Amino acid sequence: MTSDGFDLRRLTRRQFVMATAGLSLAHWPRQVSSQPRFQTNPFSLGVASGAPSSTSLVLWTRLAPSPLEGGGMPPEDVRVRYRVATDARMSHVVIDETVAAMPELAHSLHPIAVGLKPATDYWYQFSAGNEESPIGHSRTLPAPSSRPARVDFAYTSCQHYEQGYYLPYRFMAEDDLDLIVHLGDYIYENKTSPLAEGRIVRQHDSDEVFSLAGYRNRYALYKSDPHLQSAHAACAWLTSWDDHEVNNNWASAYPQDPHRQTPTEFLVRKLAAIQAYYEHMPLRHFPVAAGGGLDLRLYGRYPFGSLAQFHLLDTRQYRSDQVCTTGDYINLDCTERHAPERTMLGTRQREWLVSGLEPFAGGWNVIAQQVWFGRYTFTGGSAPEHNRDAWDGYPQERQRVVDAVASRAPGSSVVLAGDWHNFCVRDIHENPDVPEGGVVMTELAGTSLSSRTSRTAQIQASLADNPQVRFFDGDHRGYVRCRIERDVFRADLQFLSSPFTPVDATMRTGASFVVERGRPGALRA
């Protein structure tokens, strides 16, 4: 049960299906308000689409006329109409359905538009009472057997509301992207310390959040940003969380600081965070009861015809706890991190990933996950150090994934990462102890969208001892724009001129890299 008294685990499957799949309200078991009256437009948080397939799209909105005050909705179900059309004016409607927005889910909606055509542009809109939402745009994936010429997408992560404006999303919205991939830290549960981290450009709505009400208001605050709303309305998103959607550096059932939260207190907090994340993202899967808590399946596979398949991972929910850690999780080497039973993905997700890495003619494998994947050794101190919160804390699990890529899809795989607020391009070697050969894939770590970094000098001081790194930049915020074609994967690192100006910052391509199919390793373009 969440700290606000509602137990999401007790929501019946029938209620969930009715609330999210657009079934007839004639069978709804509770009274529904069909003509609600609003003092302000309830679609204050915009619209979104995500988790696309070749024949369906997950659509999203939330009724919230007073978004920072719990939403401002009455405690009753509300009738909401949604339409899907093949034109931007919503003239040629192909889906016209009505669903119920439930107070138990903060009046959020996740209808799945089905029966759509592959590789087709669609527009969608919600309405309630006399109010209408903005019109959103999305695109279905190509048919699995098709041979699309290219896929254009961008990926980003780490968007602390207090530390920078969201102008990069305006540039993403202006591109004709097939997908936006968000690799986590969509919100931050904590506050910026002005003394420790410097300039604050705007304020959080409260101190650190622990309750369902607090997480809901935090998402509402972040989603109030017009540039973020425009990017959500521009194309489909693939989303997975990292740590700050729950608690910094959390792992499975373990909080960052066990002396600050008991296991029960963290479970209550985690349940609230899971529910709020589901309520605010265009997700296909509903949280299910598991092990006394909730399991929200975020990992999934998204094939873009025969050109590429995106493997979206969850590196938080199933991992073993960090070991040998103090402070900020960069510590001297220890034998415990090499234990073979330690896992980053959990057995089921790892086996799912490995089984899906089968090569296919002319196709690319894009492994989209949250934290730095390849080895990075910090030198200059009394002994080598590693980031235990990244894959360096789980080297045996990483080797299992590398071995799978080497045996199944060498030369056609790229791994994406976020988390550390720096651009970093590096080779992933089959044997990390032999850096002069055996490259199996490239890692493209993107910088943060707005969150500051405190690691630049420390990383730069060790670059000479990490020859696998092809490029590093810790001075810029931004994102990575990618184009995949049959024989080339291109990544353009987008540098924002300043995260501190709300409207007139500029974006430029700071560096570009290509990976040629069949030749693992990134080349400067």
Protein backbone atom coordinates (compact mmCIF):
# COMPACT_ATOMS: atom_id res chain seq x y z
CA MET A 1 0.00 0.00 0.00
CA THR A 2 1.27 3.48 -0.82
CA SER A 3 1.60 6.12 1.85
CA ASP A 4 -1.53 7.75 0.40
CA GLY A 5 -3.70 4.75 1.19
CA PHE A 6 -4.36 3.26 -2.27
CA ASP A 7 -3.01 -0.19 -3.05
CA LEU A 8 -2.39 -0.46 -6.79
CA ARG A 9 -1.88 -4.20 -6.38
CA ARG A 10 -5.61 -4.56 -5.66
CA LEU A 11 -6.78 -2.94 -8.89
CA THR A 12 -8.46 -5.75 -10.77
CA ARG A 13 -7.38 -6.79 -14.23
CA ARG A 14 -10.90 -6.05 -15.48
CA GLN A 15 -10.74 -2.50 -14.12
CA PHE A 16 -7.32 -1.97 -15.65
CA VAL A 17 -8.32 -3.23 -19.08
CA MET A 18 -11.43 -1.05 -19.08
CA ALA A 19 -9.45 1.97 -18.01
CA THR A 20 -6.68 1.57 -20.56
CA ALA A 21 -7.83 -0.38 -23.60
CA GLY A 22 -10.80 1.69 -24.76
CA LEU A 23 -13.50 -0.92 -24.05
CA SER A 24 -17.16 0.02 -23.88
CA LEU A 25 -18.17 1.99 -20.82
CA ALA A 26 -21.48 0.16 -20.82
CA HIS A 27 -19.81 -2.52 -18.69
CA TRP A 28 -18.02 -0.14 -16.33
CA PRO A 29 -18.91 -1.10 -12.74
CA ARG A 30 -18.98 2.44 -11.31
CA GLN A 31 -20.74 5.68 -12.08
CA VAL A 32 -18.94 7.80 -14.66
CA SER A 33 -19.16 11.56 -15.09
CA SER A 34 -19.93 12.02 -18.78
CA GLN A 35 -20.10 15.84 -18.89
CA PRO A 36 -17.59 17.15 -16.37
CA ARG A 37 -17.12 20.89 -16.00
CA PHE A 38 -13.63 22.33 -15.68
CA GLN A 39 -12.57 25.81 -14.64
CA THR A 40 -9.35 25.37 -16.61
CA ASN A 41 -8.30 22.97 -19.35
CA PRO A 42 -7.59 19.60 -17.68
CA PHE A 43 -5.00 18.60 -20.31
CA SER A 44 -2.35 20.77 -18.67
CA LEU A 45 0.30 18.04 -18.89
CA GLY A 46 -0.04 17.51 -22.62
CA VAL A 47 -0.22 14.25 -24.52
CA ALA A 48 2.23 11.51 -25.44
CA SER A 49 2.62 8.26 -27.33
CA GLY A 50 5.02 5.38 -26.81
CA ALA A 51 5.83 1.67 -26.93
CA PRO A 52 4.96 1.52 -30.64
CA SER A 53 4.49 -1.60 -32.75
CA SER A 54 3.80 -1.94 -36.46
CA THR A 55 0.04 -1.99 -35.81
CA SER A 56 -0.49 -0.14 -32.51
CA LEU A 57 0.48 2.85 -30.37
CA VAL A 58 0.11 3.49 -26.67
CA LEU A 59 -1.39 6.93 -26.14
CA TRP A 60 -1.24 8.93 -22.91
CA THR A 61 -2.70 11.89 -21.11
CA ARG A 62 -3.76 12.84 -17.60
CA LEU A 63 -6.62 15.05 -16.48
CA ALA A 64 -5.08 17.66 -14.16
CA PRO A 65 -6.68 21.12 -14.13
CA SER A 66 -4.58 21.94 -11.02
CA PRO A 67 -1.48 19.84 -11.74
CA LEU A 68 0.66 20.97 -8.79
CA GLU A 69 -2.16 20.55 -6.29
CA GLY A 70 -2.77 16.85 -6.69
CA GLY A 71 -4.40 17.30 -10.09
CA GLY A 72 -7.53 19.11 -8.96
CA MET A 73 -9.93 16.39 -10.08
CA PRO A 74 -12.98 15.11 -8.15
CA PRO A 75 -12.76 11.55 -6.73
CA GLU A 76 -14.83 10.01 -9.51
CA ASP A 77 -14.40 8.35 -12.89
CA VAL A 78 -14.53 10.71 -15.85
CA ARG A 79 -15.49 9.89 -19.42
CA VAL A 80 -12.71 10.78 -21.88
CA ARG A 81 -12.92 10.49 -25.64
CA TYR A 82 -9.88 9.91 -27.81
CA ARG A 83 -9.60 9.97 -31.57
CA VAL A 84 -6.88 8.86 -33.97
CA ALA A 85 -6.68 10.30 -37.47
CA THR A 86 -4.50 10.10 -40.55
CA ASP A 87 -4.20 13.87 -40.91
CA ALA A 88 -3.09 16.73 -38.66
CA ARG A 89 -6.52 18.40 -38.79
CA MET A 90 -8.16 15.28 -37.35
CA SER A 91 -10.52 15.10 -40.34
CA HIS A 92 -9.97 11.47 -41.34
CA VAL A 93 -10.63 9.64 -38.09
CA VAL A 94 -9.85 5.91 -37.91
CA ILE A 95 -10.42 5.39 -34.16
CA ASP A 96 -13.05 7.09 -32.02
CA GLU A 97 -13.34 5.53 -28.55
CA THR A 98 -14.30 6.48 -25.01
CA VAL A 99 -12.48 5.41 -21.86
CA ALA A 100 -12.79 6.15 -18.15
CA ALA A 101 -10.15 8.15 -16.29
CA MET A 102 -9.95 6.73 -12.75
CA PRO A 103 -9.03 8.69 -9.61
CA GLU A 104 -7.01 5.66 -8.41
CA LEU A 105 -4.63 6.27 -11.32
CA ALA A 106 -4.62 10.07 -10.95
CA HIS A 107 -7.04 10.27 -13.90
CA SER A 108 -4.28 9.15 -16.25
CA LEU A 109 -5.06 7.23 -19.41
CA HIS A 110 -3.08 4.73 -21.49
CA PRO A 111 -5.40 3.64 -24.32
CA ILE A 112 -3.81 1.36 -26.90
CA ALA A 113 -4.73 2.34 -30.46
CA VAL A 114 -4.84 -0.95 -32.39
CA GLY A 115 -5.50 -1.98 -35.99
CA LEU A 116 -3.16 0.66 -37.41
CA LYS A 117 -1.08 0.42 -40.57
CA PRO A 118 2.71 -0.09 -40.41
CA ALA A 119 5.10 2.82 -40.98
CA THR A 120 2.23 5.30 -41.01
CA ASP A 121 1.84 8.76 -39.50
CA TYR A 122 -1.08 9.26 -37.14
CA TRP A 123 -2.43 12.17 -35.14
CA TYR A 124 -4.46 11.85 -31.96
CA GLN A 125 -6.45 13.99 -29.52
CA PHE A 126 -8.31 13.59 -26.23
CA SER A 127 -11.42 15.44 -25.07
CA ALA A 128 -13.40 15.63 -21.83
CA GLY A 129 -16.51 17.72 -21.33
CA ASN A 130 -16.04 20.77 -23.52
CA GLU A 131 -12.24 20.70 -23.30
CA GLU A 132 -9.75 19.31 -25.81
CA SER A 133 -6.12 18.31 -25.51
CA PRO A 134 -3.35 19.38 -27.87
CA ILE A 135 -3.05 17.23 -30.98
CA GLY A 136 -0.20 14.75 -30.83
CA HIS A 137 1.67 13.05 -33.67
CA SER A 138 3.14 9.56 -33.78
CA ARG A 139 4.26 6.92 -36.24
CA THR A 140 3.90 3.16 -36.19
CA LEU A 141 6.92 0.94 -36.69
CA PRO A 142 7.53 -0.64 -40.09
CA ALA A 143 6.28 -4.17 -40.70
CA PRO A 144 8.77 -6.78 -39.41
CA SER A 145 9.45 -8.12 -42.91
CA SER A 146 9.92 -4.68 -44.51
CA ARG A 147 13.26 -3.12 -45.46
CA PRO A 148 13.15 0.56 -44.42
CA ALA A 149 16.01 2.69 -45.67
CA ARG A 150 16.70 4.41 -42.35
CA VAL A 151 15.52 5.21 -38.83
CA ASP A 152 16.06 8.59 -37.19
CA PHE A 153 15.95 8.84 -33.42
CA ALA A 154 17.34 10.83 -30.51
CA TYR A 155 18.16 9.73 -27.00
CA THR A 156 18.64 11.61 -23.77
CA SER A 157 18.49 11.28 -19.98
CA CYS A 158 18.94 13.18 -16.73
CA GLN A 159 16.75 16.28 -16.79
CA HIS A 160 16.99 17.94 -13.39
CA TYR A 161 14.34 20.65 -13.39
CA GLU A 162 16.28 22.98 -11.11
CA GLN A 163 19.59 22.76 -12.93
CA GLY A 164 18.70 23.74 -16.47
CA TYR A 165 15.98 24.53 -18.97
CA TYR A 166 14.63 21.95 -21.37
CA LEU A 167 15.40 23.74 -24.63
CA PRO A 168 16.99 20.62 -26.23
CA TYR A 169 13.48 19.17 -26.47
CA ARG A 170 12.46 22.00 -28.76
CA PHE A 171 15.13 20.93 -31.23
CA MET A 172 14.06 17.29 -30.98
CA ALA A 173 10.45 18.29 -31.63
CA GLU A 174 11.49 20.21 -34.73
CA ASP A 175 13.30 17.18 -36.18
CA ASP A 176 11.30 14.57 -38.05
CA LEU A 177 12.21 11.77 -35.65
CA ASP A 178 10.82 8.27 -35.66
CA LEU A 179 11.55 7.81 -31.95
CA ILE A 180 12.84 9.52 -28.83
CA VAL A 181 14.51 7.18 -26.35
CA HIS A 182 14.66 8.33 -22.72
CA LEU A 183 17.21 6.45 -20.63
CA GLY A 184 16.13 7.55 -17.18
CA ASP A 185 16.18 10.27 -14.54
CA TYR A 186 13.04 11.78 -16.02
CA ILE A 187 12.47 13.40 -12.63
CA TYR A 188 14.69 13.95 -9.62
CA GLU A 189 13.27 13.03 -6.27
CA ASN A 190 15.70 15.28 -4.40
CA LYS A 191 16.63 18.94 -4.45
CA THR A 192 19.75 20.69 -5.64
CA SER A 193 22.05 21.96 -2.93
CA PRO A 194 23.00 25.51 -3.95
CA LEU A 195 26.22 25.38 -1.95
CA ALA A 196 27.29 22.03 -3.40
CA GLU A 197 26.17 22.31 -7.00
CA GLY A 198 25.84 25.98 -7.87
CA ARG A 199 23.25 27.73 -9.96
CA ILE A 200 19.53 26.94 -9.74
CA VAL A 201 17.39 28.23 -12.61
CA ARG A 202 13.97 27.26 -11.21
CA GLN A 203 12.64 25.64 -8.06
CA HIS A 204 11.23 22.23 -7.26
CA ASP A 205 7.75 22.22 -5.76
CA SER A 206 8.95 20.67 -2.50
CA ASP A 207 11.87 19.04 -0.75
CA GLU A 208 12.68 15.37 -1.39
CA VAL A 209 9.58 13.32 -2.18
CA PHE A 210 8.59 10.02 -0.57
CA SER A 211 4.80 9.72 -1.01
CA LEU A 212 2.55 9.04 -3.97
CA ALA A 213 1.19 12.58 -3.75
CA GLY A 214 4.74 13.93 -3.76
CA TYR A 215 5.81 11.90 -6.79
CA ARG A 216 2.64 12.86 -8.67
CA ASN A 217 3.26 16.54 -8.09
CA ARG A 218 6.92 16.18 -9.09
CA TYR A 219 5.97 14.59 -12.43
CA ALA A 220 3.36 17.29 -12.96
CA LEU A 221 5.99 19.96 -12.37
CA TYR A 222 8.40 18.44 -14.86
CA LYS A 223 5.66 17.84 -17.43
CA SER A 224 4.57 21.47 -17.18
CA ASP A 225 7.61 22.40 -19.26
CA PRO A 226 6.41 23.40 -22.77
CA HIS A 227 9.49 22.04 -24.57
CA LEU A 228 9.11 18.64 -22.92
CA GLN A 229 5.43 18.61 -23.87
CA SER A 230 6.24 19.48 -27.47
CA ALA A 231 8.73 16.60 -27.76
CA HIS A 232 6.21 14.15 -26.32
CA ALA A 233 3.60 15.34 -28.81
CA ALA A 234 6.00 15.11 -31.76
CA CYS A 235 6.73 11.37 -31.92
CA ALA A 236 6.65 8.07 -30.05
CA TRP A 237 8.90 7.57 -27.03
CA LEU A 238 10.65 4.53 -25.58
CA THR A 239 11.14 5.08 -21.84
CA SER A 240 12.86 3.31 -18.99
CA TRP A 241 13.86 4.63 -15.60
CA ASP A 242 17.17 4.94 -13.83
CA ASP A 243 17.56 5.78 -10.14
CA HIS A 244 16.10 9.24 -9.48
CA GLU A 245 12.59 8.19 -10.43
CA VAL A 246 12.69 6.37 -7.08
CA ASN A 247 15.77 7.09 -4.97
CA ASN A 248 19.35 7.92 -5.92
CA ASN A 249 21.39 4.75 -6.56
CA TRP A 250 18.61 2.37 -5.54
CA ALA A 251 18.92 -1.28 -6.50
CA SER A 252 16.02 -3.73 -6.42
CA ALA A 253 14.81 -3.73 -2.80
CA TYR A 254 17.71 -1.62 -1.52
CA PRO A 255 17.70 2.17 -1.00
CA GLN A 256 20.77 4.33 -1.34
CA ASP A 257 21.09 4.76 2.41
CA PRO A 258 19.69 1.85 4.48
CA HIS A 259 20.36 3.85 7.67
CA ARG A 260 17.90 6.48 6.48
CA GLN A 261 15.08 4.15 5.34
CA THR A 262 14.08 0.77 6.73
CA PRO A 263 13.26 -1.98 4.20
CA THR A 264 9.56 -1.44 4.84
CA GLU A 265 9.81 2.33 4.44
CA PHE A 266 11.69 1.91 1.18
CA LEU A 267 9.13 -0.60 -0.10
CA VAL A 268 6.33 1.88 0.58
CA ARG A 269 8.31 4.59 -1.19
CA LYS A 270 9.13 2.35 -4.13
CA LEU A 271 5.46 1.36 -4.57
CA ALA A 272 4.52 5.02 -4.72
CA ALA A 273 7.29 5.75 -7.24
CA ILE A 274 6.31 2.83 -9.48
CA GLN A 275 2.69 3.90 -9.53
CA ALA A 276 3.54 7.53 -10.30
CA TYR A 277 5.92 6.52 -13.08
CA TYR A 278 3.23 4.37 -14.69
CA GLU A 279 0.68 7.15 -14.35
CA HIS A 280 2.86 9.62 -16.25
CA MET A 281 4.42 7.56 -19.06
CA PRO A 282 3.01 6.02 -22.28
CA LEU A 283 3.65 2.45 -21.13
CA ARG A 284 2.17 -0.74 -22.52
CA HIS A 285 2.48 -2.87 -19.38
CA PHE A 286 0.60 -2.37 -16.11
CA PRO A 287 2.37 -2.93 -12.76
CA VAL A 288 1.71 -6.40 -11.38
CA ALA A 289 2.06 -7.79 -7.87
CA ALA A 290 5.38 -9.57 -7.34
CA GLY A 291 7.28 -10.58 -4.23
CA GLY A 292 5.18 -8.45 -1.90
CA GLY A 293 5.63 -5.40 -4.10
CA LEU A 294 5.06 -4.34 -7.69
CA ASP A 295 6.86 -5.26 -10.89
CA LEU A 296 6.58 -2.78 -13.74
CA ARG A 297 7.95 -4.37 -16.89
CA LEU A 298 9.87 -1.72 -18.78
CA TYR A 299 12.23 -3.84 -20.85
CA GLY A 300 11.04 -4.66 -24.33
CA ARG A 301 12.06 -5.20 -27.94
CA TYR A 302 11.05 -2.86 -30.75
CA PRO A 303 11.92 -4.06 -34.28
CA PHE A 304 12.22 -1.39 -36.96
CA GLY A 305 11.57 -3.69 -39.89
CA SER A 306 14.68 -5.64 -40.83
CA LEU A 307 16.86 -2.56 -40.34
CA ALA A 308 17.22 -2.46 -36.57
CA GLN A 309 15.82 -3.75 -33.34
CA PHE A 310 15.85 -1.72 -30.15
CA HIS A 311 16.40 -3.70 -26.93
CA LEU A 312 15.21 -1.39 -24.12
CA LEU A 313 16.56 -2.51 -20.74
CA ASP A 314 15.82 -1.89 -17.05
CA THR A 315 19.04 -1.83 -15.01
CA ARG A 316 17.46 -0.95 -11.64
CA GLN A 317 14.54 -3.17 -10.78
CA TYR A 318 16.24 -6.57 -10.83
CA ARG A 319 19.87 -5.88 -9.99
CA SER A 320 21.92 -7.05 -7.04
CA ASP A 321 22.78 -4.41 -4.51
CA GLN A 322 26.01 -2.47 -4.93
CA VAL A 323 28.98 -3.82 -2.98
CA CYS A 324 32.10 -2.31 -1.44
CA THR A 325 30.48 1.09 -1.58
CA THR A 326 30.83 4.26 0.37
CA GLY A 327 29.81 7.77 -0.48
CA ASP A 328 29.41 8.30 -4.20
CA TYR A 329 29.99 4.68 -5.29
CA ILE A 330 33.44 5.19 -6.82
CA ASN A 331 35.67 2.98 -4.73
CA LEU A 332 38.82 0.97 -4.65
CA ASP A 333 38.68 -2.42 -6.27
CA CYS A 334 37.22 -5.31 -4.30
CA THR A 335 36.77 -8.99 -4.96
CA GLU A 336 33.05 -8.98 -4.11
CA ARG A 337 32.09 -7.17 -7.30
CA HIS A 338 33.43 -10.09 -9.35
CA ALA A 339 31.11 -12.67 -7.76
CA PRO A 340 29.45 -14.62 -10.61
CA GLU A 341 25.98 -14.52 -9.04
CA ARG A 342 25.83 -10.73 -9.10
CA THR A 343 23.38 -9.47 -11.68
CA MET A 344 22.51 -6.16 -13.27
CA LEU A 345 19.52 -7.40 -15.28
CA GLY A 346 18.14 -10.37 -13.38
CA THR A 347 18.06 -13.84 -14.90
CA ARG A 348 14.83 -13.45 -16.86
CA GLN A 349 15.75 -10.13 -18.47
CA ARG A 350 19.29 -11.26 -19.28
CA GLU A 351 18.08 -14.45 -20.97
CA TRP A 352 15.49 -12.41 -22.86
CA LEU A 353 18.20 -10.03 -24.09
CA VAL A 354 20.64 -12.75 -25.09
CA SER A 355 17.98 -14.72 -26.97
CA GLY A 356 17.03 -11.61 -28.94
CA LEU A 357 20.53 -10.76 -30.12
CA GLU A 358 20.30 -13.17 -33.04
CA PRO A 359 21.78 -11.53 -36.15
CA PHE A 360 19.45 -10.78 -38.99
CA ALA A 361 20.32 -9.81 -42.56
CA GLY A 362 21.44 -6.21 -42.76
CA GLY A 363 20.12 -5.34 -39.30
CA TRP A 364 21.46 -3.54 -36.25
CA ASN A 365 21.03 -4.31 -32.55
CA VAL A 366 20.58 -1.18 -30.42
CA ILE A 367 20.89 -1.94 -26.70
CA ALA A 368 19.32 1.04 -24.94
CA GLN A 369 20.12 1.06 -21.22
CA GLN A 370 20.87 3.49 -18.43
CA VAL A 371 24.39 3.39 -16.98
CA TRP A 372 27.93 3.28 -18.36
CA PHE A 373 28.48 -0.15 -19.84
CA GLY A 374 32.19 -0.46 -20.63
CA ARG A 375 35.04 -0.55 -18.18
CA TYR A 376 36.41 2.75 -16.95
CA THR A 377 39.29 2.72 -14.47
CA PHE A 378 39.98 5.81 -12.41
CA THR A 379 43.70 6.15 -11.82
CA GLY A 380 46.01 8.55 -10.06
CA GLY A 381 45.11 7.57 -6.52
CA SER A 382 46.53 4.91 -4.25
CA ALA A 383 44.82 2.17 -6.29
CA PRO A 384 42.45 1.83 -9.26
CA GLU A 385 38.83 2.82 -8.65
CA HIS A 386 35.56 1.94 -10.39
CA ASN A 387 31.98 3.15 -10.42
CA ARG A 388 30.11 0.40 -8.57
CA ASP A 389 26.72 1.78 -9.58
CA ALA A 390 27.47 1.18 -13.30
CA TRP A 391 28.34 -2.09 -15.07
CA ASP A 392 31.82 -1.90 -13.50
CA GLY A 393 30.09 -3.06 -10.33
CA TYR A 394 28.77 -6.14 -12.20
CA PRO A 395 31.67 -7.27 -14.45
CA GLN A 396 30.59 -10.92 -14.69
CA GLU A 397 27.12 -9.92 -15.89
CA ARG A 398 28.64 -7.51 -18.38
CA GLN A 399 30.87 -10.27 -19.74
CA ARG A 400 27.83 -12.48 -20.31
CA VAL A 401 26.29 -9.76 -22.47
CA VAL A 402 29.58 -9.09 -24.31
CA ASP A 403 30.02 -12.81 -24.99
CA ALA A 404 26.48 -12.98 -26.38
CA VAL A 405 27.15 -10.06 -28.71
CA ALA A 406 30.50 -11.53 -29.78
CA SER A 407 28.94 -14.89 -30.64
CA ARG A 408 25.61 -13.77 -32.06
CA ALA A 409 25.82 -10.23 -33.45
CA PRO A 410 29.40 -8.91 -33.71
CA GLY A 411 29.84 -5.85 -35.85
CA SER A 412 26.15 -4.96 -35.81
CA SER A 413 25.54 -3.87 -32.21
CA VAL A 414 25.64 -0.51 -30.42
CA VAL A 415 24.96 0.08 -26.73
CA LEU A 416 23.49 3.39 -25.55
CA ALA A 417 24.00 4.83 -22.06
CA GLY A 418 23.18 7.90 -19.99
CA ASP A 419 23.46 8.53 -16.23
CA TRP A 420 26.80 10.32 -15.86
CA HIS A 421 26.10 13.62 -17.62
CA ASN A 422 28.99 13.32 -20.08
CA PHE A 423 29.45 12.39 -23.72
CA CYS A 424 31.67 9.33 -23.98
CA VAL A 425 32.29 7.19 -27.08
CA ARG A 426 34.26 4.01 -26.55
CA ASP A 427 35.04 0.56 -27.84
CA ILE A 428 33.74 -2.50 -26.04
CA HIS A 429 36.31 -5.30 -26.23
CA GLU A 430 35.58 -8.99 -26.02
CA ASN A 431 38.30 -9.12 -23.38
CA PRO A 432 38.64 -5.79 -21.53
CA ASP A 433 42.12 -6.81 -20.37
CA VAL A 434 43.30 -6.81 -23.99
CA PRO A 435 42.39 -3.32 -25.23
CA GLU A 436 44.50 -3.52 -28.38
CA GLY A 437 42.14 -5.95 -30.12
CA GLY A 438 38.87 -7.80 -30.12
CA VAL A 439 36.34 -4.96 -30.38
CA VAL A 440 32.79 -6.33 -30.54
CA MET A 441 30.65 -3.18 -30.33
CA THR A 442 30.57 0.55 -29.63
CA GLU A 443 29.17 2.32 -26.59
CA LEU A 444 27.63 5.75 -27.10
CA ALA A 445 27.09 7.45 -23.74
CA GLY A 446 25.08 10.64 -23.96
CA THR A 447 25.32 13.68 -21.75
CA SER A 448 22.49 14.94 -19.58
CA LEU A 449 19.68 17.06 -20.96
CA SER A 450 20.02 19.57 -18.11
CA SER A 451 21.62 17.95 -15.02
CA ARG A 452 25.07 19.16 -14.04
CA THR A 453 28.12 16.98 -13.84
CA SER A 454 30.78 16.89 -11.15
CA ARG A 455 32.94 14.16 -12.71
CA THR A 456 34.55 15.85 -15.70
CA ALA A 457 37.95 16.57 -14.15
CA GLN A 458 38.15 13.16 -12.51
CA ILE A 459 37.36 11.36 -15.77
CA GLN A 460 39.70 13.51 -17.84
CA ALA A 461 42.56 12.82 -15.44
CA SER A 462 42.27 9.10 -16.22
CA LEU A 463 41.67 9.22 -19.98
CA ALA A 464 45.25 8.27 -20.85
CA ASP A 465 44.79 5.04 -18.90
CA ASN A 466 41.57 4.17 -20.73
CA PRO A 467 42.57 3.80 -24.40
CA GLN A 468 39.18 2.30 -25.27
CA VAL A 469 37.68 5.81 -25.05
CA ARG A 470 37.48 7.42 -28.49
CA PHE A 471 35.91 10.70 -27.37
CA PHE A 472 34.95 12.46 -24.14
CA ASP A 473 33.24 15.77 -23.39
CA GLY A 474 31.90 16.81 -20.00
CA ASP A 475 31.31 20.49 -20.66
CA HIS A 476 28.04 20.39 -22.57
CA ARG A 477 24.43 19.48 -21.96
CA GLY A 478 22.34 18.22 -24.87
CA TYR A 479 21.45 14.91 -26.49
CA VAL A 480 22.50 12.47 -29.21
CA ARG A 481 20.78 12.36 -32.61
CA CYS A 482 21.20 9.13 -34.55
CA ARG A 483 20.50 7.83 -38.02
CA ILE A 484 20.67 4.12 -38.79
CA GLU A 485 21.04 3.03 -42.38
CA ARG A 486 21.74 -0.41 -43.77
CA ASP A 487 25.53 -0.20 -43.52
CA VAL A 488 26.14 2.79 -41.23
CA PHE A 489 25.09 3.87 -37.74
CA ARG A 490 25.70 7.63 -37.35
CA ALA A 491 25.62 9.53 -34.04
CA ASP A 492 25.70 13.33 -33.89
CA LEU A 493 26.50 14.67 -30.42
CA GLN A 494 24.35 17.75 -29.91
CA PHE A 495 25.91 20.50 -27.76
CA LEU A 496 23.62 23.07 -26.11
CA SER A 497 25.15 26.54 -25.85
CA SER A 498 23.78 27.06 -22.33
CA PRO A 499 21.26 25.28 -20.08
CA PHE A 500 20.64 28.53 -18.21
CA THR A 501 18.71 30.45 -20.89
CA PRO A 502 15.04 29.50 -21.31
CA VAL A 503 14.44 30.55 -24.93
CA ASP A 504 17.45 31.65 -26.97
CA ALA A 505 20.12 28.99 -26.46
CA THR A 506 21.48 27.36 -29.62
CA MET A 507 22.31 23.78 -30.54
CA ARG A 508 25.24 22.59 -32.61
CA THR A 509 26.77 19.27 -33.56
CA GLY A 510 29.88 19.08 -31.44
CA ALA A 511 31.16 15.79 -32.83
CA SER A 512 29.94 13.00 -35.08
CA PHE A 513 30.81 9.32 -35.15
CA VAL A 514 29.92 6.44 -37.43
CA VAL A 515 29.98 2.70 -36.94
CA GLU A 516 30.25 0.73 -40.15
CA ARG A 517 28.40 -2.54 -40.29
CA GLY A 518 30.81 -5.45 -39.92
CA ARG A 519 33.56 -3.21 -38.50
CA PRO A 520 33.08 -2.82 -34.73
CA GLY A 521 34.38 0.42 -33.33
CA ALA A 522 33.42 4.06 -33.80
CA LEU A 523 35.08 6.29 -36.39
CA ARG A 524 35.15 10.10 -36.25
CA ALA A 525 32.97 11.41 -39.07
